[in-house]
Amino acid sequence: MAPVPPGIRFLASFNRDQWYRAFTFSLTFLLYTSFHLSRKPISIVKSELHKNCSALNELSTASSSQLPNLHTAAECSWKPFDKSNYKQLLGAMDYSFLCAYAVGMFLSGIIGERLPIRLYLTFGMLMSGLFTCLFGLGYIYSIHSLGFYIFVQVANGLVQTTGWPSVVTCIGNWFGKGRRGLIMGIWNSHTSVGNILGSLIAGYWVSSNWGLSFIVPGLIIAAMGIICFLFLIEHPNDLRSIHAVQNPAPCSNNQKLTKNWNGTNGHKQLYHSYKQGDKYQNWDTELLLPQDNSSVSVPVQQVVVVKSESEPSAISFMGALRIPGVIEFSLCLLFAKLVSYTFLFWLPLYITKTAHLDAKKAGDLSTLFDVGGIVGGILAGVISDKLGKRATTCAVMLLLAAPILYGFSMISEFGLGPTIGMLLVCGGLVNGPYALITTAVAADLGTHKSLKGNARALSTVTAIIDGTGSVGAAIGPLLAGVLSSQGWDQVFYMLMAADFLALLLLLRLVTKELTSGNVVKPRSGSTTVEDGPTALGVFQFGHGTEW
């Protein structure tokens, strides 16, 4: 017999539950990658909506007799962004999307707790694909109405709020706290991967047909919505019905399948059982009893299935705010996300104006910021897991980000090499705290000990934290549009101020982490079998300081 190849041996070492967990990890990663992929094109297309008309105007003024028709809408900018207030108009488009996203996020988590995640997420992805394509159709059909683009941005912002609470709740259902920082740090790189892919896709068509820069990402997120509907598994317990059908207990001719609603040990629970002659037998104890008439006796071991009498109700908005740490981390994320989203929406245009590159090259160069964000998010997760101090990890990265932001304001004075290095470092330090708070911290707070095991709070807590952060995400690009008209230095002063405010909001939690020696230890083993995620092997460990 030939030896089993090492690769097959490695694959066979994983059990069914681990494969499902890996599949859910990969699927949710790709789903939210498509969300960010569809958001990125607007930042790439901005430099095409308004080209460098100021230089053309100066040239036209100097030699108007020689170049009478140089400054035309077809050759310069796309109406209505061809005016001198184009930065304010582009900022208003960003603000309309992000403001709708922030308002919708607070409602999305509450709605998501009460609807099937798979259907809710599928609806949001299909509608987001529709509105993203509509923006691109504005180029195809030569639509020059600002109201049209504002409407599309508002509608897209609202439907995109279905994404984050849904995927975080799903990943939180499958993974416990043991290495949550590392796992979610890797998983959260979907944000940067989506931004990179969105930049490359949009940049490919931006100079020739910027409508396709929106239509292609719109089709991608819609296709991923269909995949979500077909394959997303919301919770490990959802697989039990499949396994019960695929692996039924053997029933002979004189056995009759019935359902027992009376429960066991006083716990009301549906049990499948079969009837053999005049005796009812439960499938849960079938393997503990002899199956033939032999004289072999098997001692019966009672297994207690613990289940509450009623399903826990979804947590209220005010109830979620009372969870220790939610308010501080939410307000910190407001300023951290302000910085991150200002880079997301304005970095390509900033590079175009200061480094004098075309739209495609600026878009490609801006992807390095997201590459740094991937490393920063993973590093923040690993460090916070190792130290058990989420707030302290975020605070240190925010402190280090301030001088980098100041240096970034002088990017035009550097060569290509230093610029690349600064993009990578700045991306890591800016996106590290943002990634950690929106994933591992949100999941920790959504499963906080004060909830007494009510797992239905995760979506609401996630929505509150990310919704508050989205307020900052809406304010940042709007302020950037206003301040950039006075010089790009003003934009970076605003970003540094936001960075320091985010740091100040974490000081109480940092002080408590550094002075507290109480680290929650993993629970010891128990003979009781819990009816929940641990039934399918999801690790449930406490880790870190309780806020």
Foldseek 3Di string as FASTA:
>chain_A
DDDDDPVVVVVVVDDPLVVVLVVLLVLLLLLVLLLLLLVQLLLLLLCQQAPPVVVVVVVCVVCVVVCVPPDDCVNGHQPPLHDPLNLLLSLLLLLLLLVLLLVLLLVLLVVCLVDPLLVLSLVLLQQLLVLLLQVLVCQVVVPRDSVSSSVSSNSNSNSSSSRQLSSLLQNLQFAAQQLQLQSLLLSLLSNLSSNLNLLQLQLVCSVPRNSSSRNVSSVVSNVSSVVSNVDNDRHPVVCPVVCCVVDPDDDDPQKAWDWDQCDPPRAGDIFIWIDRPNDIDTPVFVVQADPDDDPDGGDGDDADEDDDNDADDADDLVRLVPQPPLVLLLLLLQLLLLLVLLCSNHQLVVCCVQVVDDSSVSSNLLSLLSVLLSVLSNVLSVVCQVLLANLVSLLVLLVVLLVLLQVQLVLSVDDPVVNSVSSNSNSNSSNNNNSCSLHSVLSCSCCDVVVVRNNSHSSSSSSSSVSSNSNSSSVNSSVCSVCCVVPNSSSSVSSSVSSVVSSVSSVVSNVCQVPDPDWFFADDDDSHDYDGNCVSPHDHTGGHDRD
